[in-house]
């Protein structure tokens, strides 16, 4: 049974695949429960905002996922990322391709940024200096063509570089 927690996003609890496809046709969807994996198996999700969370997710986490999906993002558990879509299937206005590929360390910094860590916490987590974190962030911003931390996280999410 769908339960809307945001007027733009429908939350489905243990839906059948047909319900997922039907609701995705209407707009953004968050699927909660044991059947959540069915979402990633449906071709209908490509290019659409959706979220997947397990049963028993805390309310504040569900609210955060709904807010992210409402903003046009896709939220899936780590390891559930699908292969990138072909360039023709992506909307260039929503998903700018990076000019250059991020290094492994830059992806790690971006992931910590997506988790909401500030520079000092990122530095401690990676065993590097604050100055090095700032250097990596400047490089990430340049490669992704963004100007703020929020834009970097959004670009990273849209391009499948990070998960939340």
C-alpha atoms as a PDB file:
ATOM      1  CA  UNK A   1       0.000   0.000   0.000  1.00  0.00           C
ATOM      2  CA  UNK A   2       1.521   3.342  -0.992  1.00  0.00           C
ATOM      3  CA  UNK A   3       2.004   5.912   1.713  1.00  0.00           C
ATOM      4  CA  UNK A   4       3.023   9.405   0.648  1.00  0.00           C
ATOM      5  CA  UNK A   5       5.420  11.166   3.019  1.00  0.00           C
ATOM      6  CA  UNK A   6       6.101  13.913   0.470  1.00  0.00           C
ATOM      7  CA  UNK A   7       3.561  15.136  -2.052  1.00  0.00           C
ATOM      8  CA  UNK A   8       6.015  14.413  -4.895  1.00  0.00           C
ATOM      9  CA  UNK A   9       7.251  10.982  -3.737  1.00  0.00           C
ATOM     10  CA  UNK A  10       5.305   7.775  -3.115  1.00  0.00           C
ATOM     11  CA  UNK A  11       6.616   5.359  -0.501  1.00  0.00           C
ATOM     12  CA  UNK A  12       5.753   1.707  -1.162  1.00  0.00           C
ATOM     13  CA  UNK A  13       6.046  -0.952   1.526  1.00  0.00           C
ATOM     14  CA  UNK A  14       6.839  -4.476   0.191  1.00  0.00           C
ATOM     15  CA  UNK A  15       5.145  -3.851  -3.172  1.00  0.00           C
ATOM     16  CA  UNK A  16       4.838  -6.322  -6.005  1.00  0.00           C
ATOM     17  CA  UNK A  17       6.821  -5.476  -9.180  1.00  0.00           C
ATOM     18  CA  UNK A  18       3.677  -4.378 -11.049  1.00  0.00           C
ATOM     19  CA  UNK A  19       2.927  -1.793  -8.347  1.00  0.00           C
ATOM     20  CA  UNK A  20       6.463  -0.457  -8.596  1.00  0.00           C
ATOM     21  CA  UNK A  21       6.194  -0.019 -12.368  1.00  0.00           C
ATOM     22  CA  UNK A  22       2.743   1.600 -12.055  1.00  0.00           C
ATOM     23  CA  UNK A  23       3.859   4.063  -9.369  1.00  0.00           C
ATOM     24  CA  UNK A  24       7.137   4.895 -11.163  1.00  0.00           C
ATOM     25  CA  UNK A  25       5.050   5.882 -14.193  1.00  0.00           C
ATOM     26  CA  UNK A  26       3.300   8.439 -11.963  1.00  0.00           C
ATOM     27  CA  UNK A  27       6.439   9.863 -10.368  1.00  0.00           C
ATOM     28  CA  UNK A  28       9.321   9.297  -7.929  1.00  0.00           C
ATOM     29  CA  UNK A  29       9.087   6.241  -5.665  1.00  0.00           C
ATOM     30  CA  UNK A  30      10.827   4.942  -2.539  1.00  0.00           C
ATOM     31  CA  UNK A  31      10.521   1.181  -2.023  1.00  0.00           C
ATOM     32  CA  UNK A  32      10.816  -0.130   1.533  1.00  0.00           C
ATOM     33  CA  UNK A  33      11.173  -3.747   2.573  1.00  0.00           C
ATOM     34  CA  UNK A  34      12.277  -7.199   1.549  1.00  0.00           C
ATOM     35  CA  UNK A  35      11.090  -6.748  -2.043  1.00  0.00           C
ATOM     36  CA  UNK A  36      13.138  -3.598  -2.494  1.00  0.00           C
ATOM     37  CA  UNK A  37      15.648  -5.492  -4.626  1.00  0.00           C
ATOM     38  CA  UNK A  38      12.952  -5.880  -7.297  1.00  0.00           C
ATOM     39  CA  UNK A  39      13.329  -2.174  -8.125  1.00  0.00           C
ATOM     40  CA  UNK A  40      16.841  -2.591  -9.446  1.00  0.00           C
ATOM     41  CA  UNK A  41      15.720  -5.466 -11.666  1.00  0.00           C
ATOM     42  CA  UNK A  42      13.085  -3.356 -13.445  1.00  0.00           C
ATOM     43  CA  UNK A  43      13.990  -1.521 -16.602  1.00  0.00           C
ATOM     44  CA  UNK A  44      11.456   1.173 -15.666  1.00  0.00           C
ATOM     45  CA  UNK A  45      13.826   2.815 -13.176  1.00  0.00           C
ATOM     46  CA  UNK A  46      16.414   4.030 -15.679  1.00  0.00           C
ATOM     47  CA  UNK A  47      16.434   7.803 -15.785  1.00  0.00           C
ATOM     48  CA  UNK A  48      13.934   8.099 -12.934  1.00  0.00           C
ATOM     49  CA  UNK A  49      14.356   9.218  -9.359  1.00  0.00           C
ATOM     50  CA  UNK A  50      13.793   6.366  -6.927  1.00  0.00           C
ATOM     51  CA  UNK A  51      14.983   5.054  -3.594  1.00  0.00           C
ATOM     52  CA  UNK A  52      15.446   1.628  -2.070  1.00  0.00           C
ATOM     53  CA  UNK A  53      15.684   0.938   1.655  1.00  0.00           C
ATOM     54  CA  UNK A  54      15.387  -2.183   3.764  1.00  0.00           C
ATOM     55  CA  UNK A  55      12.584  -2.989   6.168  1.00  0.00           C
ATOM     56  CA  UNK A  56      12.867  -1.426   9.592  1.00  0.00           C
ATOM     57  CA  UNK A  57      14.686   1.684   8.380  1.00  0.00           C
ATOM     58  CA  UNK A  58      14.551   4.489  10.992  1.00  0.00           C
ATOM     59  CA  UNK A  59      12.007   7.230  10.237  1.00  0.00           C
ATOM     60  CA  UNK A  60      14.682   9.943   9.963  1.00  0.00           C
ATOM     61  CA  UNK A  61      16.570   7.858   7.404  1.00  0.00           C
ATOM     62  CA  UNK A  62      13.390   7.269   5.414  1.00  0.00           C
ATOM     63  CA  UNK A  63      12.645  11.008   5.504  1.00  0.00           C
ATOM     64  CA  UNK A  64      16.164  11.745   4.209  1.00  0.00           C
ATOM     65  CA  UNK A  65      15.757   9.222   1.382  1.00  0.00           C
ATOM     66  CA  UNK A  66      12.365  10.708   0.450  1.00  0.00           C
ATOM     67  CA  UNK A  67      13.890  14.212   0.410  1.00  0.00           C
ATOM     68  CA  UNK A  68      16.759  13.047  -1.814  1.00  0.00           C
ATOM     69  CA  UNK A  69      14.404  11.288  -4.234  1.00  0.00           C
ATOM     70  CA  UNK A  70      12.170  14.357  -4.262  1.00  0.00           C
ATOM     71  CA  UNK A  71      15.246  16.345  -5.365  1.00  0.00           C
ATOM     72  CA  UNK A  72      15.688  13.975  -8.316  1.00  0.00           C
ATOM     73  CA  UNK A  73      18.365  11.677  -6.882  1.00  0.00           C
ATOM     74  CA  UNK A  74      18.551   7.894  -6.777  1.00  0.00           C
ATOM     75  CA  UNK A  75      19.273   6.379  -3.381  1.00  0.00           C
ATOM     76  CA  UNK A  76      20.275   2.723  -3.062  1.00  0.00           C
ATOM     77  CA  UNK A  77      22.225   0.767  -0.455  1.00  0.00           C
ATOM     78  CA  UNK A  78      25.982   0.483  -1.053  1.00  0.00           C
ATOM     79  CA  UNK A  79      26.796  -2.202  -3.583  1.00  0.00           C
ATOM     80  CA  UNK A  80      23.444  -1.884  -5.365  1.00  0.00           C
ATOM     81  CA  UNK A  81      24.621   0.586  -7.958  1.00  0.00           C
ATOM     82  CA  UNK A  82      23.728  -0.404 -11.471  1.00  0.00           C
ATOM     83  CA  UNK A  83      26.162  -0.091 -14.354  1.00  0.00           C
ATOM     84  CA  UNK A  84      26.174   3.421 -15.807  1.00  0.00           C
ATOM     85  CA  UNK A  85      23.567   4.125 -18.458  1.00  0.00           C
ATOM     86  CA  UNK A  86      24.685   4.629 -22.044  1.00  0.00           C
ATOM     87  CA  UNK A  87      25.295   8.302 -22.819  1.00  0.00           C
ATOM     88  CA  UNK A  88      22.245   8.424 -25.107  1.00  0.00           C
ATOM     89  CA  UNK A  89      19.969   7.366 -22.222  1.00  0.00           C
ATOM     90  CA  UNK A  90      21.190  10.123 -19.898  1.00  0.00           C
ATOM     91  CA  UNK A  91      19.826  13.636 -19.830  1.00  0.00           C
ATOM     92  CA  UNK A  92      22.806  15.908 -20.407  1.00  0.00           C
ATOM     93  CA  UNK A  93      21.078  18.775 -18.576  1.00  0.00           C
ATOM     94  CA  UNK A  94      20.863  16.707 -15.373  1.00  0.00           C
ATOM     95  CA  UNK A  95      24.023  14.630 -15.573  1.00  0.00           C
ATOM     96  CA  UNK A  96      27.094  16.432 -16.815  1.00  0.00           C
ATOM     97  CA  UNK A  97      29.886  14.021 -17.641  1.00  0.00           C
ATOM     98  CA  UNK A  98      33.132  14.649 -15.806  1.00  0.00           C
ATOM     99  CA  UNK A  99      35.811  16.269 -17.917  1.00  0.00           C
ATOM    100  CA  UNK A 100      38.363  13.935 -16.356  1.00  0.00           C
ATOM    101  CA  UNK A 101      38.090  10.725 -14.378  1.00  0.00           C
ATOM    102  CA  UNK A 102      38.445  11.056 -10.605  1.00  0.00           C
ATOM    103  CA  UNK A 103      41.356   9.259  -8.975  1.00  0.00           C
ATOM    104  CA  UNK A 104      40.718   6.608  -6.327  1.00  0.00           C
ATOM    105  CA  UNK A 105      41.638   9.076  -3.570  1.00  0.00           C
ATOM    106  CA  UNK A 106      39.379  11.780  -5.042  1.00  0.00           C
ATOM    107  CA  UNK A 107      36.483   9.293  -5.084  1.00  0.00           C
ATOM    108  CA  UNK A 108      37.214   8.480  -1.413  1.00  0.00           C
ATOM    109  CA  UNK A 109      37.199  12.181  -0.515  1.00  0.00           C
ATOM    110  CA  UNK A 110      33.963  12.688  -2.476  1.00  0.00           C
ATOM    111  CA  UNK A 111      32.348   9.711  -0.703  1.00  0.00           C
ATOM    112  CA  UNK A 112      33.236  11.172   2.699  1.00  0.00           C
ATOM    113  CA  UNK A 113      31.909  14.533   1.519  1.00  0.00           C
ATOM    114  CA  UNK A 114      28.623  12.815   0.558  1.00  0.00           C
ATOM    115  CA  UNK A 115      28.471  11.363   4.071  1.00  0.00           C
ATOM    116  CA  UNK A 116      28.498  14.906   5.427  1.00  0.00           C
ATOM    117  CA  UNK A 117      32.018  14.985   6.843  1.00  0.00           C
ATOM    118  CA  UNK A 118      33.903  18.274   7.107  1.00  0.00           C
ATOM    119  CA  UNK A 119      37.495  18.625   5.918  1.00  0.00           C
ATOM    120  CA  UNK A 120      39.130  17.753   9.233  1.00  0.00           C
ATOM    121  CA  UNK A 121      37.044  14.566   9.632  1.00  0.00           C
ATOM    122  CA  UNK A 122      37.821  13.552   6.037  1.00  0.00           C
ATOM    123  CA  UNK A 123      41.523  14.127   6.713  1.00  0.00           C
ATOM    124  CA  UNK A 124      41.403  11.989   9.867  1.00  0.00           C
ATOM    125  CA  UNK A 125      39.455   9.204   8.144  1.00  0.00           C
ATOM    126  CA  UNK A 126      41.945   9.032   5.278  1.00  0.00           C
ATOM    127  CA  UNK A 127      45.102   9.730   7.281  1.00  0.00           C
ATOM    128  CA  UNK A 128      45.974  12.862   5.295  1.00  0.00           C
ATOM    129  CA  UNK A 129      46.287  16.561   6.133  1.00  0.00           C
ATOM    130  CA  UNK A 130      43.534  19.175   5.949  1.00  0.00           C
ATOM    131  CA  UNK A 131      45.558  20.879   3.214  1.00  0.00           C
ATOM    132  CA  UNK A 132      45.572  17.674   1.150  1.00  0.00           C
ATOM    133  CA  UNK A 133      41.792  17.367   1.540  1.00  0.00           C
ATOM    134  CA  UNK A 134      41.418  20.949   0.237  1.00  0.00           C
ATOM    135  CA  UNK A 135      43.706  20.092  -2.681  1.00  0.00           C
ATOM    136  CA  UNK A 136      41.589  17.020  -3.548  1.00  0.00           C
ATOM    137  CA  UNK A 137      38.358  19.011  -3.249  1.00  0.00           C
ATOM    138  CA  UNK A 138      39.660  21.679  -5.625  1.00  0.00           C
ATOM    139  CA  UNK A 139      40.599  18.952  -8.096  1.00  0.00           C
ATOM    140  CA  UNK A 140      37.188  17.257  -7.716  1.00  0.00           C
ATOM    141  CA  UNK A 141      35.373  20.569  -8.280  1.00  0.00           C
ATOM    142  CA  UNK A 142      37.378  21.190 -11.428  1.00  0.00           C
ATOM    143  CA  UNK A 143      36.912  17.702 -12.833  1.00  0.00           C
ATOM    144  CA  UNK A 144      33.163  17.675 -12.127  1.00  0.00           C
ATOM    145  CA  UNK A 145      32.680  21.257 -13.292  1.00  0.00           C
ATOM    146  CA  UNK A 146      31.080  22.392 -10.018  1.00  0.00           C
ATOM    147  CA  UNK A 147      31.681  25.215  -7.594  1.00  0.00           C
ATOM    148  CA  UNK A 148      30.364  23.996  -4.227  1.00  0.00           C
ATOM    149  CA  UNK A 149      30.479  20.942  -1.983  1.00  0.00           C
ATOM    150  CA  UNK A 150      26.754  20.368  -2.507  1.00  0.00           C
ATOM    151  CA  UNK A 151      27.101  20.510  -6.285  1.00  0.00           C
ATOM    152  CA  UNK A 152      30.006  18.054  -6.090  1.00  0.00           C
ATOM    153  CA  UNK A 153      27.948  15.566  -4.070  1.00  0.00           C
ATOM    154  CA  UNK A 154      24.971  15.963  -6.419  1.00  0.00           C
ATOM    155  CA  UNK A 155      27.173  15.407  -9.487  1.00  0.00           C
ATOM    156  CA  UNK A 156      28.810  12.417  -7.786  1.00  0.00           C
ATOM    157  CA  UNK A 157      25.416  10.892  -6.976  1.00  0.00           C
ATOM    158  CA  UNK A 158      24.042  11.475 -10.461  1.00  0.00           C
ATOM    159  CA  UNK A 159      27.139   9.932 -12.024  1.00  0.00           C
ATOM    160  CA  UNK A 160      27.226   6.946  -9.682  1.00  0.00           C
ATOM    161  CA  UNK A 161      30.549   7.963  -8.135  1.00  0.00           C
ATOM    162  CA  UNK A 162      29.203   7.926  -4.551  1.00  0.00           C
ATOM    163  CA  UNK A 163      26.348   6.434  -2.558  1.00  0.00           C
ATOM    164  CA  UNK A 164      24.396   7.726   0.402  1.00  0.00           C
END
